[in-house]
Amino acid sequence: GNLLIETEYEENDFLYDEIGSGLKINQLRNEKR
């Protein structure tokens, strides 16, 4: 029953921000705790 967050992206998506993803997930968890 734990609420978890996952992201996915297409292999050829060069605009996807992998580093920003982790930071944004942490921000989201803090803001929406």
ModelCIF file with pLDDT and N, C-alpha, C, O atoms, coordinates in Angstrom:
data_MODEL
#
_entry.id   MODEL 
#
_entity.id                         1 
_entity.type                       polymer 
_entity.pdbx_number_of_molecules   1 
#
_entity_poly.entity_id                      1 
_entity_poly.type                           'polypeptide(L)' 
_entity_poly.nstd_linkage                   no 
_entity_poly.nstd_monomer                   no 
_entity_poly.pdbx_seq_one_letter_code       GNLLIETEYEENDFLYDEIGSGLKINQLRNEKR 
_entity_poly.pdbx_seq_one_letter_code_can   GNLLIETEYEENDFLYDEIGSGLKINQLRNEKR 
_entity_poly.pdbx_strand_id                 A 
#
loop_
_entity_poly_seq.entity_id 
_entity_poly_seq.num 
_entity_poly_seq.mon_id 
_entity_poly_seq.hetero 
1 1  GLY n 
1 2  ASN n 
1 3  LEU n 
1 4  LEU n 
1 5  ILE n 
1 6  GLU n 
1 7  THR n 
1 8  GLU n 
1 9  TYR n 
1 10 GLU n 
1 11 GLU n 
1 12 ASN n 
1 13 ASP n 
1 14 PHE n 
1 15 LEU n 
1 16 TYR n 
1 17 ASP n 
1 18 GLU n 
1 19 ILE n 
1 20 GLY n 
1 21 SER n 
1 22 GLY n 
1 23 LEU n 
1 24 LYS n 
1 25 ILE n 
1 26 ASN n 
1 27 GLN n 
1 28 LEU n 
1 29 ARG n 
1 30 ASN n 
1 31 GLU n 
1 32 LYS n 
1 33 ARG n 
#
_struct_asym.id          A 
_struct_asym.entity_id   1 
#
loop_
_ma_qa_metric.id 
_ma_qa_metric.mode 
_ma_qa_metric.name 
_ma_qa_metric.software_group_id 
_ma_qa_metric.type 
1 global pLDDT . pLDDT 
2 local  pLDDT . pLDDT 
#
_ma_qa_metric_global.metric_id      1 
_ma_qa_metric_global.metric_value   93.67 
_ma_qa_metric_global.model_id       1 
_ma_qa_metric_global.ordinal_id     1 
#
loop_
_ma_qa_metric_local.label_asym_id 
_ma_qa_metric_local.label_comp_id 
_ma_qa_metric_local.label_seq_id 
_ma_qa_metric_local.metric_id 
_ma_qa_metric_local.metric_value 
_ma_qa_metric_local.model_id 
_ma_qa_metric_local.ordinal_id 
A GLY 1  2 95.00 1 1  
A ASN 2  2 96.00 1 2  
A LEU 3  2 97.00 1 3  
A LEU 4  2 97.00 1 4  
A ILE 5  2 97.00 1 5  
A GLU 6  2 96.00 1 6  
A THR 7  2 96.00 1 7  
A GLU 8  2 95.00 1 8  
A TYR 9  2 95.00 1 9  
A GLU 10 2 94.00 1 10 
A GLU 11 2 90.00 1 11 
A ASN 12 2 90.00 1 12 
A ASP 13 2 88.00 1 13 
A PHE 14 2 88.00 1 14 
A LEU 15 2 87.00 1 15 
A TYR 16 2 89.00 1 16 
A ASP 17 2 86.00 1 17 
A GLU 18 2 88.00 1 18 
A ILE 19 2 89.00 1 19 
A GLY 20 2 91.00 1 20 
A SER 21 2 94.00 1 21 
A GLY 22 2 94.00 1 22 
A LEU 23 2 95.00 1 23 
A LYS 24 2 95.00 1 24 
A ILE 25 2 96.00 1 25 
A ASN 26 2 96.00 1 26 
A GLN 27 2 96.00 1 27 
A LEU 28 2 96.00 1 28 
A ARG 29 2 97.00 1 29 
A ASN 30 2 97.00 1 30 
A GLU 31 2 97.00 1 31 
A LYS 32 2 97.00 1 32 
A ARG 33 2 97.00 1 33 
#
loop_
_atom_site.group_PDB 
_atom_site.id 
_atom_site.type_symbol 
_atom_site.label_atom_id 
_atom_site.label_alt_id 
_atom_site.label_comp_id 
_atom_site.label_asym_id 
_atom_site.label_entity_id 
_atom_site.label_seq_id 
_atom_site.pdbx_PDB_ins_code 
_atom_site.Cartn_x 
_atom_site.Cartn_y 
_atom_site.Cartn_z 
_atom_site.occupancy 
_atom_site.B_iso_or_equiv 
_atom_site.pdbx_formal_charge 
_atom_site.auth_seq_id 
_atom_site.auth_comp_id 
_atom_site.auth_asym_id 
_atom_site.auth_atom_id 
_atom_site.pdbx_PDB_model_num 
ATOM 1   N N  . GLY A 1 1  ? 0.789  -1.229 0.000   1.00 95.00 ? 1  GLY A N  1 
ATOM 2   C CA . GLY A 1 1  ? 0.000  0.000  0.000   1.00 95.00 ? 1  GLY A CA 1 
ATOM 3   C C  . GLY A 1 1  ? 0.818  1.273  0.000   1.00 95.00 ? 1  GLY A C  1 
ATOM 4   O O  . GLY A 1 1  ? 0.280  2.355  0.237   1.00 95.00 ? 1  GLY A O  1 
ATOM 5   N N  . ASN A 1 2  ? 2.112  1.163  -0.263  1.00 96.00 ? 2  ASN A N  1 
ATOM 6   C CA . ASN A 1 2  ? 2.969  2.348  -0.359  1.00 96.00 ? 2  ASN A CA 1 
ATOM 7   C C  . ASN A 1 2  ? 2.776  2.997  -1.722  1.00 96.00 ? 2  ASN A C  1 
ATOM 8   O O  . ASN A 1 2  ? 2.723  2.311  -2.743  1.00 96.00 ? 2  ASN A O  1 
ATOM 9   N N  . LEU A 1 3  ? 2.671  4.305  -1.733  1.00 97.00 ? 3  LEU A N  1 
ATOM 10  C CA . LEU A 1 3  ? 2.526  5.037  -2.987  1.00 97.00 ? 3  LEU A CA 1 
ATOM 11  C C  . LEU A 1 3  ? 3.918  5.364  -3.523  1.00 97.00 ? 3  LEU A C  1 
ATOM 12  O O  . LEU A 1 3  ? 4.697  6.070  -2.882  1.00 97.00 ? 3  LEU A O  1 
ATOM 13  N N  . LEU A 1 4  ? 4.212  4.841  -4.700  1.00 97.00 ? 4  LEU A N  1 
ATOM 14  C CA . LEU A 1 4  ? 5.530  5.004  -5.307  1.00 97.00 ? 4  LEU A CA 1 
ATOM 15  C C  . LEU A 1 4  ? 5.415  5.762  -6.619  1.00 97.00 ? 4  LEU A C  1 
ATOM 16  O O  . LEU A 1 4  ? 4.344  5.841  -7.219  1.00 97.00 ? 4  LEU A O  1 
ATOM 17  N N  . ILE A 1 5  ? 6.544  6.318  -7.052  1.00 97.00 ? 5  ILE A N  1 
ATOM 18  C CA . ILE A 1 5  ? 6.592  7.087  -8.296  1.00 97.00 ? 5  ILE A CA 1 
ATOM 19  C C  . ILE A 1 5  ? 7.637  6.457  -9.209  1.00 97.00 ? 5  ILE A C  1 
ATOM 20  O O  . ILE A 1 5  ? 8.746  6.136  -8.783  1.00 97.00 ? 5  ILE A O  1 
ATOM 21  N N  . GLU A 1 6  ? 7.262  6.288  -10.460 1.00 96.00 ? 6  GLU A N  1 
ATOM 22  C CA . GLU A 1 6  ? 8.172  5.723  -11.453 1.00 96.00 ? 6  GLU A CA 1 
ATOM 23  C C  . GLU A 1 6  ? 8.088  6.575  -12.713 1.00 96.00 ? 6  GLU A C  1 
ATOM 24  O O  . GLU A 1 6  ? 7.040  7.137  -13.033 1.00 96.00 ? 6  GLU A O  1 
ATOM 25  N N  . THR A 1 7  ? 9.201  6.660  -13.416 1.00 96.00 ? 7  THR A N  1 
ATOM 26  C CA . THR A 1 7  ? 9.184  7.352  -14.706 1.00 96.00 ? 7  THR A CA 1 
ATOM 27  C C  . THR A 1 7  ? 9.692  6.410  -15.779 1.00 96.00 ? 7  THR A C  1 
ATOM 28  O O  . THR A 1 7  ? 10.464 5.489  -15.511 1.00 96.00 ? 7  THR A O  1 
ATOM 29  N N  . GLU A 1 8  ? 9.247  6.656  -16.985 1.00 95.00 ? 8  GLU A N  1 
ATOM 30  C CA . GLU A 1 8  ? 9.684  5.891  -18.151 1.00 95.00 ? 8  GLU A CA 1 
ATOM 31  C C  . GLU A 1 8  ? 9.908  6.888  -19.281 1.00 95.00 ? 8  GLU A C  1 
ATOM 32  O O  . GLU A 1 8  ? 9.325  7.972  -19.307 1.00 95.00 ? 8  GLU A O  1 
ATOM 33  N N  . TYR A 1 9  ? 10.756 6.495  -20.198 1.00 95.00 ? 9  TYR A N  1 
ATOM 34  C CA . TYR A 1 9  ? 10.955 7.341  -21.371 1.00 95.00 ? 9  TYR A CA 1 
ATOM 35  C C  . TYR A 1 9  ? 11.371 6.470  -22.543 1.00 95.00 ? 9  TYR A C  1 
ATOM 36  O O  . TYR A 1 9  ? 11.917 5.380  -22.374 1.00 95.00 ? 9  TYR A O  1 
ATOM 37  N N  . GLU A 1 10 ? 11.097 6.979  -23.730 1.00 94.00 ? 10 GLU A N  1 
ATOM 38  C CA . GLU A 1 10 ? 11.449 6.257  -24.944 1.00 94.00 ? 10 GLU A CA 1 
ATOM 39  C C  . GLU A 1 10 ? 12.951 6.355  -25.179 1.00 94.00 ? 10 GLU A C  1 
ATOM 40  O O  . GLU A 1 10 ? 13.578 7.368  -24.869 1.00 94.00 ? 10 GLU A O  1 
ATOM 41  N N  . GLU A 1 11 ? 13.509 5.296  -25.728 1.00 90.00 ? 11 GLU A N  1 
ATOM 42  C CA . GLU A 1 11 ? 14.955 5.198  -25.925 1.00 90.00 ? 11 GLU A CA 1 
ATOM 43  C C  . GLU A 1 11 ? 15.517 6.363  -26.744 1.00 90.00 ? 11 GLU A C  1 
ATOM 44  O O  . GLU A 1 11 ? 16.619 6.841  -26.475 1.00 90.00 ? 11 GLU A O  1 
ATOM 45  N N  . ASN A 1 12 ? 14.766 6.807  -27.727 1.00 90.00 ? 12 ASN A N  1 
ATOM 46  C CA . ASN A 1 12 ? 15.260 7.872  -28.607 1.00 90.00 ? 12 ASN A CA 1 
ATOM 47  C C  . ASN A 1 12 ? 14.820 9.269  -28.154 1.00 90.00 ? 12 ASN A C  1 
ATOM 48  O O  . ASN A 1 12 ? 14.908 10.225 -28.925 1.00 90.00 ? 12 ASN A O  1 
ATOM 49  N N  . ASP A 1 13 ? 14.352 9.391  -26.916 1.00 88.00 ? 13 ASP A N  1 
ATOM 50  C CA . ASP A 1 13 ? 13.916 10.680 -26.386 1.00 88.00 ? 13 ASP A CA 1 
ATOM 51  C C  . ASP A 1 13 ? 15.108 11.400 -25.775 1.00 88.00 ? 13 ASP A C  1 
ATOM 52  O O  . ASP A 1 13 ? 15.408 11.231 -24.593 1.00 88.00 ? 13 ASP A O  1 
ATOM 53  N N  . PHE A 1 14 ? 15.781 12.200 -26.585 1.00 88.00 ? 14 PHE A N  1 
ATOM 54  C CA . PHE A 1 14 ? 16.980 12.899 -26.134 1.00 88.00 ? 14 PHE A CA 1 
ATOM 55  C C  . PHE A 1 14 ? 16.656 14.149 -25.324 1.00 88.00 ? 14 PHE A C  1 
ATOM 56  O O  . PHE A 1 14 ? 17.550 14.762 -24.741 1.00 88.00 ? 14 PHE A O  1 
ATOM 57  N N  . LEU A 1 15 ? 15.388 14.526 -25.286 1.00 87.00 ? 15 LEU A N  1 
ATOM 58  C CA . LEU A 1 15 ? 14.971 15.686 -24.504 1.00 87.00 ? 15 LEU A CA 1 
ATOM 59  C C  . LEU A 1 15 ? 14.592 15.314 -23.068 1.00 87.00 ? 15 LEU A C  1 
ATOM 60  O O  . LEU A 1 15 ? 14.449 16.193 -22.218 1.00 87.00 ? 15 LEU A O  1 
ATOM 61  N N  . TYR A 1 16 ? 14.430 14.012 -22.795 1.00 89.00 ? 16 TYR A N  1 
ATOM 62  C CA . TYR A 1 16 ? 14.087 13.568 -21.441 1.00 89.00 ? 16 TYR A CA 1 
ATOM 63  C C  . TYR A 1 16 ? 15.230 13.910 -20.489 1.00 89.00 ? 16 TYR A C  1 
ATOM 64  O O  . TYR A 1 16 ? 16.391 13.624 -20.779 1.00 89.00 ? 16 TYR A O  1 
ATOM 65  N N  . ASP A 1 17 ? 14.902 14.516 -19.362 1.00 86.00 ? 17 ASP A N  1 
ATOM 66  C CA . ASP A 1 17 ? 15.895 14.967 -18.389 1.00 86.00 ? 17 ASP A CA 1 
ATOM 67  C C  . ASP A 1 17 ? 16.007 13.933 -17.264 1.00 86.00 ? 17 ASP A C  1 
ATOM 68  O O  . ASP A 1 17 ? 15.281 14.001 -16.272 1.00 86.00 ? 17 ASP A O  1 
ATOM 69  N N  . GLU A 1 18 ? 16.919 12.982 -17.431 1.00 88.00 ? 18 GLU A N  1 
ATOM 70  C CA . GLU A 1 18 ? 17.047 11.887 -16.468 1.00 88.00 ? 18 GLU A CA 1 
ATOM 71  C C  . GLU A 1 18 ? 17.507 12.389 -15.095 1.00 88.00 ? 18 GLU A C  1 
ATOM 72  O O  . GLU A 1 18 ? 16.993 11.934 -14.074 1.00 88.00 ? 18 GLU A O  1 
ATOM 73  N N  . ILE A 1 19 ? 18.447 13.301 -15.057 1.00 89.00 ? 19 ILE A N  1 
ATOM 74  C CA . ILE A 1 19 ? 18.921 13.849 -13.783 1.00 89.00 ? 19 ILE A CA 1 
ATOM 75  C C  . ILE A 1 19 ? 17.816 14.691 -13.144 1.00 89.00 ? 19 ILE A C  1 
ATOM 76  O O  . ILE A 1 19 ? 17.544 14.570 -11.949 1.00 89.00 ? 19 ILE A O  1 
ATOM 77  N N  . GLY A 1 20 ? 17.192 15.532 -13.938 1.00 91.00 ? 20 GLY A N  1 
ATOM 78  C CA . GLY A 1 20 ? 16.096 16.358 -13.444 1.00 91.00 ? 20 GLY A CA 1 
ATOM 79  C C  . GLY A 1 20 ? 14.926 15.530 -12.945 1.00 91.00 ? 20 GLY A C  1 
ATOM 80  O O  . GLY A 1 20 ? 14.195 15.952 -12.048 1.00 91.00 ? 20 GLY A O  1 
ATOM 81  N N  . SER A 1 21 ? 14.749 14.350 -13.526 1.00 94.00 ? 21 SER A N  1 
ATOM 82  C CA . SER A 1 21 ? 13.669 13.461 -13.116 1.00 94.00 ? 21 SER A CA 1 
ATOM 83  C C  . SER A 1 21 ? 13.784 13.086 -11.645 1.00 94.00 ? 21 SER A C  1 
ATOM 84  O O  . SER A 1 21 ? 12.809 13.186 -10.901 1.00 94.00 ? 21 SER A O  1 
ATOM 85  N N  . GLY A 1 22 ? 14.958 12.659 -11.224 1.00 94.00 ? 22 GLY A N  1 
ATOM 86  C CA . GLY A 1 22 ? 15.174 12.294 -9.827  1.00 94.00 ? 22 GLY A CA 1 
ATOM 87  C C  . GLY A 1 22 ? 14.971 13.468 -8.894  1.00 94.00 ? 22 GLY A C  1 
ATOM 88  O O  . GLY A 1 22 ? 14.375 13.328 -7.826  1.00 94.00 ? 22 GLY A O  1 
ATOM 89  N N  . LEU A 1 23 ? 15.470 14.630 -9.301  1.00 95.00 ? 23 LEU A N  1 
ATOM 90  C CA . LEU A 1 23 ? 15.307 15.832 -8.478  1.00 95.00 ? 23 LEU A CA 1 
ATOM 91  C C  . LEU A 1 23 ? 13.835 16.238 -8.383  1.00 95.00 ? 23 LEU A C  1 
ATOM 92  O O  . LEU A 1 23 ? 13.355 16.617 -7.315  1.00 95.00 ? 23 LEU A O  1 
ATOM 93  N N  . LYS A 1 24 ? 13.134 16.155 -9.499  1.00 95.00 ? 24 LYS A N  1 
ATOM 94  C CA . LYS A 1 24 ? 11.718 16.544 -9.524  1.00 95.00 ? 24 LYS A CA 1 
ATOM 95  C C  . LYS A 1 24 ? 10.862 15.559 -8.726  1.00 95.00 ? 24 LYS A C  1 
ATOM 96  O O  . LYS A 1 24 ? 9.898  15.966 -8.078  1.00 95.00 ? 24 LYS A O  1 
ATOM 97  N N  . ILE A 1 25 ? 11.203 14.280 -8.765  1.00 96.00 ? 25 ILE A N  1 
ATOM 98  C CA . ILE A 1 25 ? 10.472 13.291 -7.964  1.00 96.00 ? 25 ILE A CA 1 
ATOM 99  C C  . ILE A 1 25 ? 10.647 13.601 -6.485  1.00 96.00 ? 25 ILE A C  1 
ATOM 100 O O  . ILE A 1 25 ? 9.677  13.562 -5.727  1.00 96.00 ? 25 ILE A O  1 
ATOM 101 N N  . ASN A 1 26 ? 11.868 13.908 -6.063  1.00 96.00 ? 26 ASN A N  1 
ATOM 102 C CA . ASN A 1 26 ? 12.105 14.262 -4.657  1.00 96.00 ? 26 ASN A CA 1 
ATOM 103 C C  . ASN A 1 26 ? 11.325 15.518 -4.274  1.00 96.00 ? 26 ASN A C  1 
ATOM 104 O O  . ASN A 1 26 ? 10.748 15.586 -3.189  1.00 96.00 ? 26 ASN A O  1 
ATOM 105 N N  . GLN A 1 27 ? 11.309 16.499 -5.154  1.00 96.00 ? 27 GLN A N  1 
ATOM 106 C CA . GLN A 1 27 ? 10.554 17.728 -4.905  1.00 96.00 ? 27 GLN A CA 1 
ATOM 107 C C  . GLN A 1 27 ? 9.063  17.407 -4.781  1.00 96.00 ? 27 GLN A C  1 
ATOM 108 O O  . GLN A 1 27 ? 8.387  17.907 -3.883  1.00 96.00 ? 27 GLN A O  1 
ATOM 109 N N  . LEU A 1 28 ? 8.563  16.576 -5.683  1.00 96.00 ? 28 LEU A N  1 
ATOM 110 C CA . LEU A 1 28 ? 7.158  16.194 -5.670  1.00 96.00 ? 28 LEU A CA 1 
ATOM 111 C C  . LEU A 1 28 ? 6.806  15.463 -4.369  1.00 96.00 ? 28 LEU A C  1 
ATOM 112 O O  . LEU A 1 28 ? 5.774  15.736 -3.756  1.00 96.00 ? 28 LEU A O  1 
ATOM 113 N N  . ARG A 1 29 ? 7.661  14.544 -3.959  1.00 97.00 ? 29 ARG A N  1 
ATOM 114 C CA . ARG A 1 29 ? 7.423  13.814 -2.701  1.00 97.00 ? 29 ARG A CA 1 
ATOM 115 C C  . ARG A 1 29 ? 7.386  14.765 -1.511  1.00 97.00 ? 29 ARG A C  1 
ATOM 116 O O  . ARG A 1 29 ? 6.550  14.608 -0.621  1.00 97.00 ? 29 ARG A O  1 
ATOM 117 N N  . ASN A 1 30 ? 8.280  15.748 -1.484  1.00 97.00 ? 30 ASN A N  1 
ATOM 118 C CA . ASN A 1 30 ? 8.314  16.708 -0.380  1.00 97.00 ? 30 ASN A CA 1 
ATOM 119 C C  . ASN A 1 30 ? 7.095  17.629 -0.393  1.00 97.00 ? 30 ASN A C  1 
ATOM 120 O O  . ASN A 1 30 ? 6.463  17.843 0.642   1.00 97.00 ? 30 ASN A O  1 
ATOM 121 N N  . GLU A 1 31 ? 6.772  18.167 -1.552  1.00 97.00 ? 31 GLU A N  1 
ATOM 122 C CA . GLU A 1 31 ? 5.661  19.103 -1.657  1.00 97.00 ? 31 GLU A CA 1 
ATOM 123 C C  . GLU A 1 31 ? 4.308  18.442 -1.438  1.00 97.00 ? 31 GLU A C  1 
ATOM 124 O O  . GLU A 1 31 ? 3.386  19.069 -0.917  1.00 97.00 ? 31 GLU A O  1 
ATOM 125 N N  . LYS A 1 32 ? 4.187  17.197 -1.826  1.00 97.00 ? 32 LYS A N  1 
ATOM 126 C CA . LYS A 1 32 ? 2.904  16.478 -1.747  1.00 97.00 ? 32 LYS A CA 1 
ATOM 127 C C  . LYS A 1 32 ? 2.915  15.413 -0.648  1.00 97.00 ? 32 LYS A C  1 
ATOM 128 O O  . LYS A 1 32 ? 2.099  14.491 -0.670  1.00 97.00 ? 32 LYS A O  1 
ATOM 129 N N  . ARG A 1 33 ? 3.826  15.534 0.302   1.00 97.00 ? 33 ARG A N  1 
ATOM 130 C CA . ARG A 1 33 ? 3.974  14.517 1.358   1.00 97.00 ? 33 ARG A CA 1 
ATOM 131 C C  . ARG A 1 33 ? 2.642  14.237 2.057   1.00 97.00 ? 33 ARG A C  1 
ATOM 132 O O  . ARG A 1 33 ? 2.585  13.411 2.968   1.00 97.00 ? 33 ARG A O  1 
#
